[in-house]
Amino acid sequence: ASCLDYFKVLTKEDPFDAKLQAAYEKDFPGNFLFAAGSAATGTYRGLKLWEAAVKKAGKIDRESVAAALDHAKIAEGPGGPAEMVPGKRHCKMKMYTAVAKGGNYEIVARSDGLVDPKEC
């Protein structure tokens, strides 16, 4: 069993995850997996939150982007939406518990909403 922010099996139920996974597999075929355990999901989410902060700040200087990042949100990302926790430099996101069966994961539980890092 494992608890993570993303499992590939989510592509069966979420069109955004399916599109993201397909694009990744096209660009990086083979054994380079887009998975939470490889830090790919966190890197993707972090870059998209930074992008949202730059757009909100309207400029790219460090102070303006950092202030905007404190309240950044994304509506879509691996495993669902995410948002920064003001003042903590961490983000809230959905979490999933899955069990490995026959080489694949099956989701057995999921958070009701975004999980604050202090709850993990």
Protein backbone atom coordinates (compact mmCIF):
# COMPACT_ATOMS: atom_id res chain seq x y z
CA ALA A 1 0.00 0.00 0.00
CA SER A 2 1.10 3.54 -0.65
CA CYS A 3 -0.22 7.05 -0.04
CA LEU A 4 0.76 9.63 -2.67
CA ASP A 5 -0.53 12.68 -4.51
CA TYR A 6 -0.78 10.87 -7.86
CA PHE A 7 -1.08 7.39 -9.31
CA LYS A 8 -1.14 6.61 -13.04
CA VAL A 9 -4.44 4.79 -12.58
CA LEU A 10 -6.06 8.23 -12.14
CA THR A 11 -5.78 8.69 -15.91
CA LYS A 12 -8.82 6.40 -16.23
CA GLU A 13 -11.07 8.91 -14.44
CA ASP A 14 -9.50 12.35 -14.95
CA PRO A 15 -9.20 13.78 -18.49
CA PHE A 16 -6.43 16.19 -17.43
CA ASP A 17 -4.32 13.38 -15.97
CA ALA A 18 -4.90 11.28 -19.11
CA LYS A 19 -3.78 14.15 -21.37
CA LEU A 20 -0.74 14.93 -19.20
CA GLN A 21 0.34 11.28 -19.02
CA ALA A 22 -0.08 10.79 -22.80
CA ALA A 23 1.97 13.91 -23.58
CA TYR A 24 4.72 12.82 -21.20
CA GLU A 25 4.88 9.29 -22.62
CA LYS A 26 5.08 10.71 -26.16
CA ASP A 27 7.97 13.03 -25.27
CA PHE A 28 9.79 10.57 -22.97
CA PRO A 29 9.06 6.99 -24.08
CA GLY A 30 10.55 4.09 -22.18
CA ASN A 31 11.38 3.74 -18.53
CA PHE A 32 11.28 7.42 -17.52
CA LEU A 33 7.99 7.40 -15.66
CA PHE A 34 5.81 10.37 -14.78
CA ALA A 35 5.15 9.39 -11.19
CA ALA A 36 4.93 10.88 -7.72
CA GLY A 37 7.82 8.71 -6.54
CA SER A 38 10.14 10.20 -9.16
CA ALA A 39 9.34 13.77 -8.05
CA ALA A 40 7.78 14.46 -11.46
CA THR A 41 4.38 15.40 -10.03
CA GLY A 42 5.84 17.79 -7.46
CA THR A 43 8.10 19.40 -10.04
CA TYR A 44 5.20 19.88 -12.46
CA ARG A 45 2.99 21.30 -9.71
CA GLY A 46 5.75 23.59 -8.43
CA LEU A 47 6.42 25.04 -11.88
CA LYS A 48 2.71 25.62 -12.51
CA LEU A 49 2.28 27.32 -9.12
CA TRP A 50 5.29 29.52 -9.92
CA GLU A 51 3.75 30.32 -13.33
CA ALA A 52 0.48 31.31 -11.62
CA ALA A 53 2.42 33.54 -9.22
CA VAL A 54 4.32 35.27 -12.05
CA LYS A 55 1.06 35.94 -13.87
CA LYS A 56 -0.55 37.30 -10.70
CA ALA A 57 2.48 39.46 -9.87
CA GLY A 58 2.71 40.78 -13.42
CA LYS A 59 6.51 40.84 -13.18
CA ILE A 60 9.36 38.46 -12.38
CA ASP A 61 11.31 40.10 -9.60
CA ARG A 62 11.86 37.84 -6.61
CA GLU A 63 9.86 39.81 -4.03
CA SER A 64 6.77 40.23 -6.22
CA VAL A 65 6.69 36.58 -7.29
CA ALA A 66 7.31 35.33 -3.72
CA ALA A 67 4.42 37.45 -2.43
CA ALA A 68 2.10 36.16 -5.17
CA LEU A 69 3.31 32.56 -4.71
CA ASP A 70 2.14 32.66 -1.11
CA HIS A 71 -1.45 32.57 -2.43
CA ALA A 72 -0.98 30.72 -5.75
CA LYS A 73 -3.49 28.11 -6.91
CA ILE A 74 -3.82 25.79 -9.88
CA ALA A 75 -7.14 24.29 -10.93
CA GLU A 76 -5.55 21.31 -12.70
CA GLY A 77 -2.45 19.32 -11.99
CA PRO A 78 -1.33 15.73 -11.48
CA GLY A 79 -3.92 14.20 -9.16
CA GLY A 80 -6.05 17.35 -9.10
CA PRO A 81 -5.91 20.99 -8.05
CA ALA A 82 -3.41 22.46 -5.59
CA GLU A 83 -2.92 25.66 -3.66
CA MET A 84 -0.21 27.16 -1.53
CA VAL A 85 -0.64 27.41 2.24
CA PRO A 86 -0.03 31.11 3.01
CA GLY A 87 3.10 31.69 5.06
CA LYS A 88 4.23 28.05 4.96
CA ARG A 89 5.85 27.59 1.51
CA HIS A 90 4.00 24.28 1.15
CA CYS A 91 0.93 23.39 -0.88
CA LYS A 92 -2.30 21.58 -0.21
CA MET A 93 -3.24 18.83 -2.65
CA LYS A 94 -5.38 15.74 -2.95
CA MET A 95 -3.97 12.51 -1.58
CA TYR A 96 -4.69 8.93 -2.59
CA THR A 97 -4.13 5.56 -0.92
CA ALA A 98 -3.57 2.69 -3.31
CA VAL A 99 -2.77 -0.99 -3.10
CA ALA A 100 -0.56 -2.78 -5.62
CA LYS A 101 -2.33 -5.64 -7.37
CA GLY A 102 -0.75 -7.56 -10.23
CA GLY A 103 1.82 -4.86 -10.92
CA ASN A 104 -0.72 -2.02 -10.95
CA TYR A 105 -2.13 0.24 -8.28
CA GLU A 106 -5.79 0.31 -7.31
CA ILE A 107 -7.06 3.40 -5.47
CA VAL A 108 -8.72 2.27 -2.22
CA ALA A 109 -9.17 5.67 -0.53
CA ARG A 110 -8.87 9.36 -1.39
CA SER A 111 -8.98 12.62 0.48
CA ASP A 112 -12.27 14.52 0.43
CA GLY A 113 -10.45 17.64 -0.70
CA LEU A 114 -7.04 19.26 -0.54
CA VAL A 115 -4.88 18.01 2.31
CA ASP A 116 -2.87 20.53 4.33
CA PRO A 117 0.76 19.39 4.78
CA LYS A 118 0.35 19.35 8.57
CA GLU A 119 -2.22 16.55 8.14
CA CYS A 120 0.22 14.15 6.44
